[in-house]
N, C-alpha and C. Protein backbone atom coordinates (compact mmCIF):
# COMPACT_ATOMS: atom_id res chain seq x y z
N UNK A 1 64.14 -8.40 69.81
CA UNK A 1 65.06 -8.70 68.71
C UNK A 1 66.30 -7.82 68.82
N UNK A 2 67.50 -8.38 68.74
CA UNK A 2 68.74 -7.59 68.82
C UNK A 2 68.80 -6.55 67.70
N UNK A 3 69.50 -5.42 67.95
CA UNK A 3 69.59 -4.36 66.92
C UNK A 3 70.09 -4.86 65.57
N UNK A 4 71.08 -5.75 65.55
CA UNK A 4 71.61 -6.24 64.28
C UNK A 4 70.54 -6.98 63.49
N UNK A 5 69.79 -7.82 64.17
CA UNK A 5 68.72 -8.56 63.49
C UNK A 5 67.62 -7.61 62.99
N UNK A 6 67.34 -6.56 63.76
CA UNK A 6 66.34 -5.57 63.34
C UNK A 6 66.81 -4.86 62.08
N UNK A 7 68.11 -4.49 62.05
CA UNK A 7 68.66 -3.79 60.89
C UNK A 7 68.58 -4.67 59.65
N UNK A 8 68.93 -5.94 59.80
CA UNK A 8 68.86 -6.88 58.68
C UNK A 8 67.42 -7.01 58.18
N UNK A 9 66.49 -7.08 59.12
CA UNK A 9 65.08 -7.19 58.76
C UNK A 9 64.61 -5.96 57.99
N UNK A 10 65.09 -4.76 58.38
CA UNK A 10 64.72 -3.53 57.67
C UNK A 10 65.29 -3.53 56.26
N UNK A 11 66.56 -3.92 56.12
CA UNK A 11 67.16 -3.96 54.79
C UNK A 11 66.44 -4.95 53.88
N UNK A 12 65.96 -6.05 54.47
CA UNK A 12 65.30 -7.07 53.68
C UNK A 12 63.98 -6.58 53.10
N UNK A 13 63.43 -5.50 53.67
CA UNK A 13 62.18 -4.92 53.17
C UNK A 13 62.42 -4.04 51.95
N UNK A 14 63.68 -3.70 51.67
CA UNK A 14 63.99 -2.85 50.52
C UNK A 14 63.66 -3.58 49.23
N UNK A 15 63.23 -2.85 48.18
CA UNK A 15 62.90 -3.48 46.90
C UNK A 15 64.08 -4.25 46.32
N UNK A 16 63.85 -5.50 45.96
CA UNK A 16 64.88 -6.30 45.30
C UNK A 16 65.97 -6.82 46.21
N UNK A 17 65.82 -6.66 47.53
CA UNK A 17 66.85 -7.10 48.48
C UNK A 17 66.37 -8.34 49.21
N UNK A 18 67.18 -9.40 49.14
CA UNK A 18 66.87 -10.63 49.86
C UNK A 18 67.65 -10.69 51.17
N UNK A 19 67.50 -11.79 51.86
CA UNK A 19 68.14 -11.94 53.17
C UNK A 19 69.66 -11.87 53.08
N UNK A 20 70.24 -12.54 52.09
CA UNK A 20 71.70 -12.55 51.96
C UNK A 20 72.26 -11.15 51.75
N UNK A 21 71.63 -10.39 50.84
CA UNK A 21 72.10 -9.02 50.59
C UNK A 21 71.84 -8.11 51.78
N UNK A 22 70.72 -8.32 52.47
CA UNK A 22 70.42 -7.52 53.65
C UNK A 22 71.50 -7.71 54.72
N UNK A 23 71.96 -8.94 54.88
CA UNK A 23 73.03 -9.22 55.83
C UNK A 23 74.33 -8.54 55.41
N UNK A 24 74.61 -8.54 54.11
CA UNK A 24 75.83 -7.88 53.61
C UNK A 24 75.80 -6.40 53.90
N UNK A 25 74.63 -5.75 53.71
CA UNK A 25 74.50 -4.33 54.02
C UNK A 25 74.76 -4.08 55.50
N UNK A 26 74.15 -4.89 56.35
CA UNK A 26 74.27 -4.69 57.80
C UNK A 26 75.70 -4.88 58.27
N UNK A 27 76.36 -5.93 57.81
CA UNK A 27 77.73 -6.18 58.25
C UNK A 27 78.70 -5.17 57.66
N UNK A 28 78.36 -4.62 56.49
CA UNK A 28 79.20 -3.56 55.92
C UNK A 28 79.17 -2.32 56.82
N UNK A 29 77.98 -2.00 57.31
CA UNK A 29 77.86 -0.84 58.21
C UNK A 29 78.71 -1.04 59.46
N UNK A 30 78.81 -2.27 59.94
CA UNK A 30 79.61 -2.56 61.13
C UNK A 30 81.10 -2.31 60.90
N UNK A 31 81.52 -2.37 59.63
CA UNK A 31 82.95 -2.16 59.33
C UNK A 31 83.30 -0.70 59.08
N UNK A 32 82.30 0.17 59.01
CA UNK A 32 82.54 1.58 58.74
C UNK A 32 83.13 2.28 59.96
N UNK A 33 83.95 3.32 59.73
CA UNK A 33 84.44 4.13 60.85
C UNK A 33 83.28 4.81 61.55
N UNK A 34 83.39 5.11 62.84
CA UNK A 34 82.30 5.75 63.58
C UNK A 34 81.77 7.02 62.93
N UNK A 35 82.67 7.82 62.36
CA UNK A 35 82.24 9.06 61.71
C UNK A 35 81.30 8.82 60.54
N UNK A 36 81.55 7.78 59.77
CA UNK A 36 80.70 7.48 58.62
C UNK A 36 79.34 6.94 59.04
N UNK A 37 79.31 6.11 60.08
CA UNK A 37 78.02 5.60 60.55
C UNK A 37 77.18 6.73 61.15
N UNK A 38 77.86 7.67 61.82
CA UNK A 38 77.14 8.83 62.36
C UNK A 38 76.55 9.68 61.24
N UNK A 39 77.34 9.88 60.17
CA UNK A 39 76.86 10.67 59.04
C UNK A 39 75.69 9.98 58.35
N UNK A 40 75.76 8.67 58.20
CA UNK A 40 74.68 7.91 57.59
C UNK A 40 73.40 8.05 58.40
N UNK A 41 73.52 7.96 59.71
CA UNK A 41 72.35 8.11 60.58
C UNK A 41 71.76 9.51 60.46
N UNK A 42 72.63 10.53 60.39
CA UNK A 42 72.14 11.91 60.26
C UNK A 42 71.43 12.12 58.93
N UNK A 43 71.98 11.53 57.87
CA UNK A 43 71.36 11.68 56.55
C UNK A 43 69.96 11.07 56.52
N UNK A 44 69.81 9.91 57.13
CA UNK A 44 68.50 9.26 57.17
C UNK A 44 67.50 10.10 57.94
N UNK A 45 67.95 10.65 59.08
CA UNK A 45 67.07 11.48 59.91
C UNK A 45 66.69 12.76 59.18
N UNK A 46 67.62 13.32 58.40
CA UNK A 46 67.38 14.61 57.74
C UNK A 46 66.47 14.50 56.52
N UNK A 47 66.21 13.28 56.04
CA UNK A 47 65.37 13.12 54.85
C UNK A 47 63.99 13.75 55.04
N UNK A 48 63.41 13.56 56.21
CA UNK A 48 62.07 14.09 56.46
C UNK A 48 62.03 15.60 56.39
N UNK A 49 63.16 16.26 56.67
CA UNK A 49 63.22 17.72 56.67
C UNK A 49 63.59 18.29 55.31
N UNK A 50 64.32 17.53 54.50
CA UNK A 50 64.85 18.08 53.25
C UNK A 50 64.17 17.56 52.00
N UNK A 51 63.38 16.50 52.12
CA UNK A 51 62.73 15.90 50.95
C UNK A 51 61.22 16.07 51.06
N UNK A 52 60.60 16.47 49.94
CA UNK A 52 59.16 16.74 49.90
C UNK A 52 58.49 15.86 48.85
N UNK A 53 57.25 15.50 49.09
CA UNK A 53 56.47 14.77 48.09
C UNK A 53 55.68 15.76 47.25
N UNK A 54 55.89 15.71 45.94
CA UNK A 54 55.20 16.62 45.03
C UNK A 54 53.69 16.41 45.13
N UNK A 55 52.95 17.47 45.29
CA UNK A 55 51.49 17.39 45.42
C UNK A 55 50.81 17.02 44.10
N UNK A 56 51.54 17.12 43.02
CA UNK A 56 50.94 16.86 41.70
C UNK A 56 51.23 15.45 41.21
N UNK A 57 52.52 15.10 41.13
CA UNK A 57 52.88 13.78 40.59
C UNK A 57 53.26 12.78 41.67
N UNK A 58 53.49 13.27 42.91
CA UNK A 58 53.80 12.44 44.07
C UNK A 58 55.20 11.84 44.06
N UNK A 59 56.10 12.38 43.25
CA UNK A 59 57.49 11.96 43.35
C UNK A 59 58.12 12.71 44.52
N UNK A 60 59.21 12.18 45.05
CA UNK A 60 59.94 12.85 46.12
C UNK A 60 61.04 13.70 45.51
N UNK A 61 61.22 14.90 46.04
CA UNK A 61 62.28 15.77 45.52
C UNK A 61 62.89 16.58 46.66
N UNK A 62 64.13 16.97 46.48
CA UNK A 62 64.83 17.77 47.48
C UNK A 62 64.58 19.24 47.23
N UNK A 63 64.22 19.96 48.27
CA UNK A 63 64.00 21.39 48.14
C UNK A 63 65.34 22.12 48.12
N UNK A 64 65.38 23.24 47.43
CA UNK A 64 66.61 24.05 47.36
C UNK A 64 66.33 25.43 47.93
N UNK A 65 66.27 25.50 49.23
CA UNK A 65 66.08 26.80 49.88
C UNK A 65 64.62 27.18 50.01
N UNK A 66 64.00 27.58 48.91
CA UNK A 66 62.61 28.05 48.92
C UNK A 66 61.66 26.85 49.00
N UNK A 67 60.69 26.94 49.89
CA UNK A 67 59.73 25.85 50.05
C UNK A 67 58.87 25.71 48.80
N UNK A 68 58.80 24.50 48.26
CA UNK A 68 58.02 24.22 47.07
C UNK A 68 57.08 23.05 47.33
N UNK A 69 55.89 23.10 46.75
CA UNK A 69 54.96 21.97 46.87
C UNK A 69 54.95 21.13 45.60
N UNK A 70 55.54 21.67 44.51
CA UNK A 70 55.61 20.96 43.25
C UNK A 70 57.06 20.73 42.85
N UNK A 71 57.35 19.59 42.26
CA UNK A 71 58.70 19.30 41.80
C UNK A 71 59.03 20.14 40.56
N UNK A 72 60.28 20.11 40.14
CA UNK A 72 60.74 20.91 39.01
C UNK A 72 59.98 20.57 37.72
N UNK A 73 59.69 19.29 37.52
CA UNK A 73 58.99 18.87 36.31
C UNK A 73 57.57 19.41 36.27
N UNK A 74 56.87 19.30 37.40
CA UNK A 74 55.47 19.78 37.45
C UNK A 74 55.38 21.30 37.40
N UNK A 75 56.47 21.99 37.74
CA UNK A 75 56.48 23.46 37.66
C UNK A 75 56.82 23.95 36.26
N UNK A 76 57.27 23.05 35.41
CA UNK A 76 57.69 23.41 34.05
C UNK A 76 56.47 23.60 33.15
N UNK A 77 56.14 24.82 32.84
CA UNK A 77 54.96 25.12 32.03
C UNK A 77 55.17 24.85 30.54
N UNK A 78 56.39 24.50 30.16
CA UNK A 78 56.68 24.22 28.76
C UNK A 78 56.40 22.76 28.39
N UNK A 79 56.08 21.93 29.38
CA UNK A 79 55.82 20.53 29.08
C UNK A 79 54.41 20.36 28.50
N UNK A 80 54.21 19.23 27.84
CA UNK A 80 52.96 18.96 27.12
C UNK A 80 51.87 18.50 28.10
N UNK A 81 50.85 19.32 28.30
CA UNK A 81 49.78 19.01 29.25
C UNK A 81 48.83 17.94 28.73
N UNK A 82 48.95 17.55 27.48
CA UNK A 82 48.02 16.56 26.92
C UNK A 82 48.40 15.13 27.26
N UNK A 83 49.62 14.93 27.82
CA UNK A 83 50.11 13.57 28.10
C UNK A 83 50.40 13.38 29.58
N UNK A 84 49.95 12.25 30.12
CA UNK A 84 50.23 11.89 31.51
C UNK A 84 50.76 10.46 31.52
N UNK A 85 52.00 10.30 31.97
CA UNK A 85 52.64 8.99 32.02
C UNK A 85 52.60 8.46 33.45
N UNK A 86 51.92 7.34 33.64
CA UNK A 86 51.79 6.73 34.96
C UNK A 86 52.87 5.67 35.12
N UNK A 87 53.70 5.84 36.15
CA UNK A 87 54.79 4.89 36.38
C UNK A 87 54.73 4.39 37.83
N UNK A 88 55.45 3.33 38.10
CA UNK A 88 55.35 2.68 39.41
C UNK A 88 56.12 3.42 40.50
N UNK A 89 57.32 3.92 40.17
CA UNK A 89 58.17 4.49 41.21
C UNK A 89 58.96 5.70 40.70
N UNK A 90 59.49 6.46 41.64
CA UNK A 90 60.24 7.68 41.32
C UNK A 90 61.40 7.43 40.35
N UNK A 91 62.13 6.34 40.57
CA UNK A 91 63.32 6.08 39.77
C UNK A 91 62.99 5.89 38.29
N UNK A 92 61.75 5.52 37.97
CA UNK A 92 61.35 5.37 36.56
C UNK A 92 61.39 6.72 35.84
N UNK A 93 61.10 7.80 36.57
CA UNK A 93 61.11 9.13 35.95
C UNK A 93 62.51 9.48 35.47
N UNK A 94 63.52 9.20 36.30
CA UNK A 94 64.90 9.50 35.93
C UNK A 94 65.29 8.75 34.66
N UNK A 95 64.87 7.49 34.56
CA UNK A 95 65.20 6.69 33.39
C UNK A 95 64.55 7.26 32.13
N UNK A 96 63.32 7.69 32.23
CA UNK A 96 62.59 8.23 31.08
C UNK A 96 63.17 9.59 30.67
N UNK A 97 63.49 10.42 31.65
CA UNK A 97 64.05 11.73 31.33
C UNK A 97 65.39 11.62 30.61
N UNK A 98 66.15 10.57 30.89
CA UNK A 98 67.44 10.37 30.22
C UNK A 98 67.25 10.10 28.73
N UNK A 99 66.08 9.59 28.35
CA UNK A 99 65.83 9.30 26.93
C UNK A 99 65.60 10.57 26.12
N UNK A 100 65.23 11.67 26.80
CA UNK A 100 65.02 12.98 26.17
C UNK A 100 63.97 12.95 25.06
N UNK A 101 62.98 12.08 25.18
CA UNK A 101 61.94 12.03 24.16
C UNK A 101 60.57 12.38 24.71
N UNK A 102 60.36 12.16 26.01
CA UNK A 102 59.04 12.42 26.60
C UNK A 102 58.99 13.83 27.17
N UNK A 103 57.95 14.58 26.80
CA UNK A 103 57.85 15.98 27.25
C UNK A 103 56.55 16.26 28.00
N UNK A 104 55.84 15.21 28.41
CA UNK A 104 54.60 15.40 29.15
C UNK A 104 54.83 15.37 30.66
N UNK A 105 53.77 15.10 31.40
CA UNK A 105 53.85 15.06 32.86
C UNK A 105 53.77 13.62 33.36
N UNK A 106 54.01 13.46 34.66
CA UNK A 106 54.08 12.13 35.26
C UNK A 106 53.10 11.98 36.42
N UNK A 107 52.87 10.71 36.77
CA UNK A 107 52.18 10.39 38.02
C UNK A 107 52.82 9.13 38.58
N UNK A 108 53.34 9.23 39.81
CA UNK A 108 53.99 8.09 40.46
C UNK A 108 52.94 7.30 41.25
N UNK A 109 52.66 6.09 40.82
CA UNK A 109 51.61 5.29 41.44
C UNK A 109 52.02 4.78 42.82
N UNK A 110 53.31 4.59 43.02
CA UNK A 110 53.78 4.13 44.33
C UNK A 110 53.86 2.62 44.46
N UNK A 111 53.90 1.91 43.33
CA UNK A 111 54.00 0.46 43.35
C UNK A 111 53.18 -0.17 42.26
N UNK A 112 53.03 -1.48 42.34
CA UNK A 112 52.23 -2.22 41.37
C UNK A 112 51.23 -3.11 42.10
N UNK A 113 50.29 -3.65 41.36
CA UNK A 113 49.30 -4.57 41.92
C UNK A 113 49.70 -5.97 41.50
N UNK A 114 50.21 -6.75 42.43
CA UNK A 114 50.70 -8.09 42.13
C UNK A 114 49.57 -9.05 41.82
N UNK A 115 49.83 -9.97 40.91
CA UNK A 115 48.85 -11.00 40.59
C UNK A 115 48.58 -11.89 41.81
N UNK A 116 49.57 -12.03 42.68
CA UNK A 116 49.45 -12.92 43.83
C UNK A 116 49.04 -12.18 45.10
N UNK A 117 48.75 -10.88 44.98
CA UNK A 117 48.41 -10.10 46.17
C UNK A 117 47.01 -10.43 46.64
N UNK A 118 46.78 -10.24 47.93
CA UNK A 118 45.47 -10.48 48.51
C UNK A 118 44.54 -9.31 48.21
N UNK A 119 43.24 -9.49 48.28
CA UNK A 119 42.28 -8.40 48.01
C UNK A 119 42.55 -7.19 48.91
N UNK A 120 42.47 -6.01 48.33
CA UNK A 120 42.70 -4.80 49.10
C UNK A 120 44.12 -4.29 49.00
N UNK A 121 45.03 -5.06 48.36
CA UNK A 121 46.42 -4.63 48.21
C UNK A 121 46.51 -3.35 47.40
N UNK A 122 45.59 -3.17 46.45
CA UNK A 122 45.62 -1.98 45.60
C UNK A 122 45.43 -0.69 46.40
N UNK A 123 44.97 -0.81 47.65
CA UNK A 123 44.80 0.37 48.49
C UNK A 123 46.13 0.99 48.88
N UNK A 124 47.21 0.22 48.74
CA UNK A 124 48.53 0.72 49.10
C UNK A 124 49.12 1.63 48.02
N UNK A 125 48.56 1.60 46.84
CA UNK A 125 49.03 2.50 45.78
C UNK A 125 48.12 3.72 45.72
N UNK A 126 48.50 4.71 44.91
CA UNK A 126 47.77 5.99 44.88
C UNK A 126 46.65 5.96 43.83
N UNK A 127 45.78 4.97 43.93
CA UNK A 127 44.70 4.84 42.94
C UNK A 127 43.75 6.02 43.00
N UNK A 128 43.32 6.39 44.20
CA UNK A 128 42.39 7.51 44.34
C UNK A 128 42.99 8.82 43.88
N UNK A 129 44.27 9.03 44.20
CA UNK A 129 44.95 10.26 43.79
C UNK A 129 45.10 10.32 42.27
N UNK A 130 45.34 9.17 41.64
CA UNK A 130 45.45 9.14 40.18
C UNK A 130 44.12 9.50 39.54
N UNK A 131 43.05 8.94 40.05
CA UNK A 131 41.73 9.23 39.48
C UNK A 131 41.41 10.72 39.62
N UNK A 132 41.76 11.30 40.78
CA UNK A 132 41.52 12.73 40.99
C UNK A 132 42.37 13.57 40.04
N UNK A 133 43.60 13.15 39.80
CA UNK A 133 44.50 13.88 38.90
C UNK A 133 43.94 13.87 37.47
N UNK A 134 43.45 12.70 37.04
CA UNK A 134 42.90 12.58 35.69
C UNK A 134 41.62 13.41 35.56
N UNK A 135 40.77 13.36 36.57
CA UNK A 135 39.53 14.15 36.55
C UNK A 135 39.82 15.63 36.44
N UNK A 136 40.83 16.09 37.18
CA UNK A 136 41.21 17.51 37.15
C UNK A 136 41.72 17.90 35.77
N UNK A 137 42.54 17.03 35.17
CA UNK A 137 43.09 17.32 33.85
C UNK A 137 42.01 17.34 32.77
N UNK A 138 41.06 16.41 32.89
CA UNK A 138 39.97 16.36 31.92
C UNK A 138 39.09 17.60 32.06
N UNK A 139 38.85 18.03 33.31
CA UNK A 139 38.02 19.22 33.55
C UNK A 139 38.63 20.47 32.94
N UNK A 140 39.97 20.51 32.90
CA UNK A 140 40.65 21.67 32.31
C UNK A 140 40.79 21.52 30.80
N UNK A 141 40.28 20.39 30.25
CA UNK A 141 40.26 20.16 28.80
C UNK A 141 41.66 20.16 28.20
N UNK A 142 42.61 19.55 28.92
CA UNK A 142 43.98 19.49 28.40
C UNK A 142 44.44 18.07 28.14
N UNK A 143 43.97 17.11 28.91
CA UNK A 143 44.47 15.74 28.81
C UNK A 143 43.92 15.03 27.57
N UNK A 144 44.84 14.40 26.82
CA UNK A 144 44.45 13.65 25.63
C UNK A 144 44.90 12.19 25.69
N UNK A 145 45.94 11.92 26.50
CA UNK A 145 46.50 10.57 26.52
C UNK A 145 47.03 10.22 27.90
N UNK A 146 46.65 9.03 28.39
CA UNK A 146 47.20 8.47 29.63
C UNK A 146 48.06 7.29 29.22
N UNK A 147 49.37 7.38 29.50
CA UNK A 147 50.31 6.33 29.11
C UNK A 147 50.63 5.48 30.34
N UNK A 148 50.45 4.17 30.22
CA UNK A 148 50.74 3.26 31.33
C UNK A 148 52.15 2.71 31.13
N UNK A 149 53.06 3.16 31.96
CA UNK A 149 54.48 2.80 31.81
C UNK A 149 54.97 1.84 32.86
N UNK A 150 54.45 0.61 32.83
CA UNK A 150 54.85 -0.39 33.81
C UNK A 150 55.74 -1.46 33.18
N UNK A 151 56.42 -2.20 34.03
CA UNK A 151 57.32 -3.25 33.56
C UNK A 151 56.57 -4.28 32.74
N UNK A 152 57.27 -4.87 31.77
CA UNK A 152 56.67 -5.91 30.93
C UNK A 152 56.80 -7.25 31.65
N UNK A 153 55.98 -7.43 32.68
CA UNK A 153 55.94 -8.68 33.42
C UNK A 153 54.52 -8.86 33.96
N UNK A 154 54.19 -10.00 34.56
CA UNK A 154 52.81 -10.24 35.02
C UNK A 154 52.26 -9.16 35.94
N UNK A 155 53.08 -8.69 36.91
CA UNK A 155 52.60 -7.66 37.83
C UNK A 155 52.37 -6.34 37.12
N UNK A 156 53.25 -5.99 36.18
CA UNK A 156 53.08 -4.77 35.43
C UNK A 156 51.84 -4.80 34.56
N UNK A 157 51.60 -5.94 33.91
CA UNK A 157 50.41 -6.08 33.07
C UNK A 157 49.14 -6.08 33.92
N UNK A 158 49.21 -6.69 35.11
CA UNK A 158 48.05 -6.70 36.00
C UNK A 158 47.74 -5.28 36.49
N UNK A 159 48.78 -4.51 36.75
CA UNK A 159 48.60 -3.12 37.18
C UNK A 159 47.98 -2.29 36.07
N UNK A 160 48.41 -2.52 34.84
CA UNK A 160 47.83 -1.80 33.70
C UNK A 160 46.34 -2.08 33.58
N UNK A 161 45.97 -3.35 33.75
CA UNK A 161 44.55 -3.70 33.67
C UNK A 161 43.76 -3.04 34.80
N UNK A 162 44.37 -2.99 35.99
CA UNK A 162 43.70 -2.37 37.13
C UNK A 162 43.48 -0.87 36.88
N UNK A 163 44.52 -0.18 36.37
CA UNK A 163 44.41 1.26 36.12
C UNK A 163 43.41 1.53 35.01
N UNK A 164 43.43 0.70 33.99
CA UNK A 164 42.47 0.88 32.89
C UNK A 164 41.03 0.76 33.40
N UNK A 165 40.80 -0.21 34.29
CA UNK A 165 39.48 -0.37 34.89
C UNK A 165 39.14 0.80 35.80
N UNK A 166 40.14 1.27 36.54
CA UNK A 166 39.95 2.39 37.46
C UNK A 166 39.52 3.66 36.73
N UNK A 167 40.11 3.88 35.54
CA UNK A 167 39.86 5.11 34.79
C UNK A 167 38.80 4.95 33.71
N UNK A 168 38.11 3.82 33.73
CA UNK A 168 37.16 3.51 32.65
C UNK A 168 36.12 4.60 32.46
N UNK A 169 35.54 5.08 33.55
CA UNK A 169 34.50 6.10 33.44
C UNK A 169 35.08 7.45 33.02
N UNK A 170 36.26 7.77 33.58
CA UNK A 170 36.85 9.08 33.28
C UNK A 170 37.27 9.22 31.82
N UNK A 171 37.74 8.12 31.23
CA UNK A 171 38.25 8.21 29.86
C UNK A 171 37.27 7.60 28.85
N UNK A 172 36.04 7.44 29.25
CA UNK A 172 35.03 6.89 28.33
C UNK A 172 34.65 7.94 27.31
N UNK A 173 35.60 8.30 26.48
CA UNK A 173 35.39 9.34 25.48
C UNK A 173 36.38 9.14 24.35
N UNK A 174 35.99 9.54 23.17
CA UNK A 174 36.88 9.41 22.02
C UNK A 174 38.04 10.40 22.08
N UNK A 175 38.01 11.30 23.04
CA UNK A 175 39.05 12.32 23.11
C UNK A 175 40.21 11.92 24.01
N UNK A 176 40.06 10.83 24.79
CA UNK A 176 41.11 10.38 25.71
C UNK A 176 41.58 8.99 25.30
N UNK A 177 42.89 8.82 25.17
CA UNK A 177 43.47 7.54 24.79
C UNK A 177 44.26 6.97 25.96
N UNK A 178 44.12 5.67 26.21
CA UNK A 178 44.99 4.96 27.14
C UNK A 178 45.97 4.15 26.31
N UNK A 179 47.25 4.39 26.50
CA UNK A 179 48.25 3.71 25.69
C UNK A 179 49.25 2.96 26.57
N UNK A 180 49.99 2.06 25.93
CA UNK A 180 50.97 1.22 26.61
C UNK A 180 52.31 1.34 25.91
N UNK A 181 53.38 1.17 26.67
CA UNK A 181 54.70 1.21 26.07
C UNK A 181 54.83 0.09 25.06
N UNK A 182 55.44 0.41 23.90
CA UNK A 182 55.51 -0.54 22.80
C UNK A 182 56.80 -1.31 22.74
N UNK A 183 57.18 -1.71 21.55
CA UNK A 183 58.38 -2.51 21.36
C UNK A 183 59.60 -1.75 21.86
N UNK A 184 60.54 -2.51 22.34
CA UNK A 184 61.76 -1.90 22.88
C UNK A 184 62.04 -2.49 24.24
N UNK A 185 61.03 -2.53 25.09
CA UNK A 185 61.19 -3.16 26.40
C UNK A 185 60.98 -4.66 26.27
N UNK A 186 61.95 -5.43 26.70
CA UNK A 186 61.83 -6.87 26.62
C UNK A 186 61.00 -7.40 27.78
N UNK A 187 60.41 -8.56 27.61
CA UNK A 187 59.57 -9.16 28.65
C UNK A 187 60.37 -9.34 29.93
N UNK A 188 59.79 -8.90 31.04
CA UNK A 188 60.43 -9.05 32.34
C UNK A 188 61.32 -7.88 32.73
N UNK A 189 61.53 -6.93 31.83
CA UNK A 189 62.44 -5.83 32.13
C UNK A 189 61.78 -4.75 32.98
N UNK A 190 62.59 -4.14 33.85
CA UNK A 190 62.13 -3.04 34.69
C UNK A 190 62.48 -1.72 34.00
N UNK A 191 61.58 -0.77 34.06
CA UNK A 191 61.75 0.50 33.37
C UNK A 191 62.99 1.25 33.85
N UNK A 192 63.23 1.25 35.16
CA UNK A 192 64.32 2.05 35.71
C UNK A 192 65.70 1.56 35.26
N UNK A 193 65.80 0.30 34.81
CA UNK A 193 67.09 -0.24 34.38
C UNK A 193 67.28 -0.20 32.87
N UNK A 194 66.27 0.23 32.15
CA UNK A 194 66.37 0.27 30.69
C UNK A 194 67.24 1.44 30.24
N UNK A 195 67.97 1.23 29.15
CA UNK A 195 68.82 2.29 28.63
C UNK A 195 67.97 3.30 27.85
N UNK A 196 68.49 4.52 27.64
CA UNK A 196 67.71 5.58 26.97
C UNK A 196 67.15 5.18 25.61
N UNK A 197 67.93 4.46 24.81
CA UNK A 197 67.47 4.08 23.47
C UNK A 197 66.30 3.10 23.55
N UNK A 198 66.34 2.20 24.53
CA UNK A 198 65.25 1.24 24.70
C UNK A 198 63.96 1.96 25.10
N UNK A 199 64.08 2.90 26.03
CA UNK A 199 62.91 3.67 26.46
C UNK A 199 62.39 4.53 25.32
N UNK A 200 63.29 5.11 24.55
CA UNK A 200 62.89 5.93 23.41
C UNK A 200 62.07 5.09 22.42
N UNK A 201 62.51 3.87 22.17
CA UNK A 201 61.80 2.98 21.26
C UNK A 201 60.44 2.59 21.82
N UNK A 202 60.40 2.33 23.13
CA UNK A 202 59.14 1.92 23.77
C UNK A 202 58.10 3.04 23.74
N UNK A 203 58.56 4.28 23.94
CA UNK A 203 57.64 5.41 23.91
C UNK A 203 57.20 5.73 22.48
N UNK A 204 58.11 5.66 21.55
CA UNK A 204 57.80 5.97 20.16
C UNK A 204 56.80 4.99 19.59
N UNK A 205 56.94 3.70 19.99
CA UNK A 205 56.09 2.65 19.43
C UNK A 205 54.95 2.26 20.36
N UNK A 206 54.55 3.16 21.26
CA UNK A 206 53.46 2.81 22.18
C UNK A 206 52.16 2.63 21.41
N UNK A 207 51.31 1.78 21.97
CA UNK A 207 50.02 1.48 21.36
C UNK A 207 48.92 1.90 22.32
N UNK A 208 47.75 2.24 21.77
CA UNK A 208 46.67 2.69 22.64
C UNK A 208 45.31 2.49 22.03
N UNK A 209 44.30 2.76 22.87
CA UNK A 209 42.93 2.69 22.38
C UNK A 209 42.09 3.67 23.17
N UNK A 210 40.95 4.06 22.63
CA UNK A 210 40.04 5.00 23.28
C UNK A 210 39.14 4.25 24.25
C-alpha cells in the first residue's frame, strides 16, 4: 500500500473520523512546509518518552521533569476518596473538571462496549483493572459510590450495564452505591463535548442504587 493510502487508513481509525475527513488530514499534511511536517513527526515519536499512563486511573499525562507514576489528580490527597467516576476516555476528565463540581477520583475505562460488538470485545477495555481498583478501595474502607459517566446513547447504556454486572459482587453491600449521570445530558450527547453547566446538572442530579 502506498504511504499516502496508509496515512489515510491510519487517520480513518481515529475516533469520529471517516474516510472523507481522513483524506483531508492527509492532504493537509502534504501542503505543510517541510519544517512543520518534520516537527509533527518528531512530536509523534516523542509521545512515548514524554507521556505516561497513570497507574491509578489510567489517564495519560505529561511528566514535568520528575518521573511520576500517578497523574496530578490521583496525587491530590484533598480529593474525596469516597467517590469513583468511571468514564470512557481521557478527554471526559477535562470536561468534568471544567464544571468544578466533582471532587472525587476517576477511572478511565478506555472505551465502551458496543451493542453491535462481537463477543470478547469487552476485553479491549480495562474491565479487570477497574475491578481491581474497586476491590482495593473497598478494602481500604473508603469507597462509597461508583459513578458511571458514559454517554447517553445505546453504547453508553450498554457499557453501564456491563460495568454494573462486572462489579455486582464487589458492591453487593448497602454501603456502596452505583449511580448514573442524571438530567442535564441530552440523549446521544458525548460527555467530552458537554458544557460545564450541563455536566454540573448531570452530576448534581445523578441517580443510584445499592
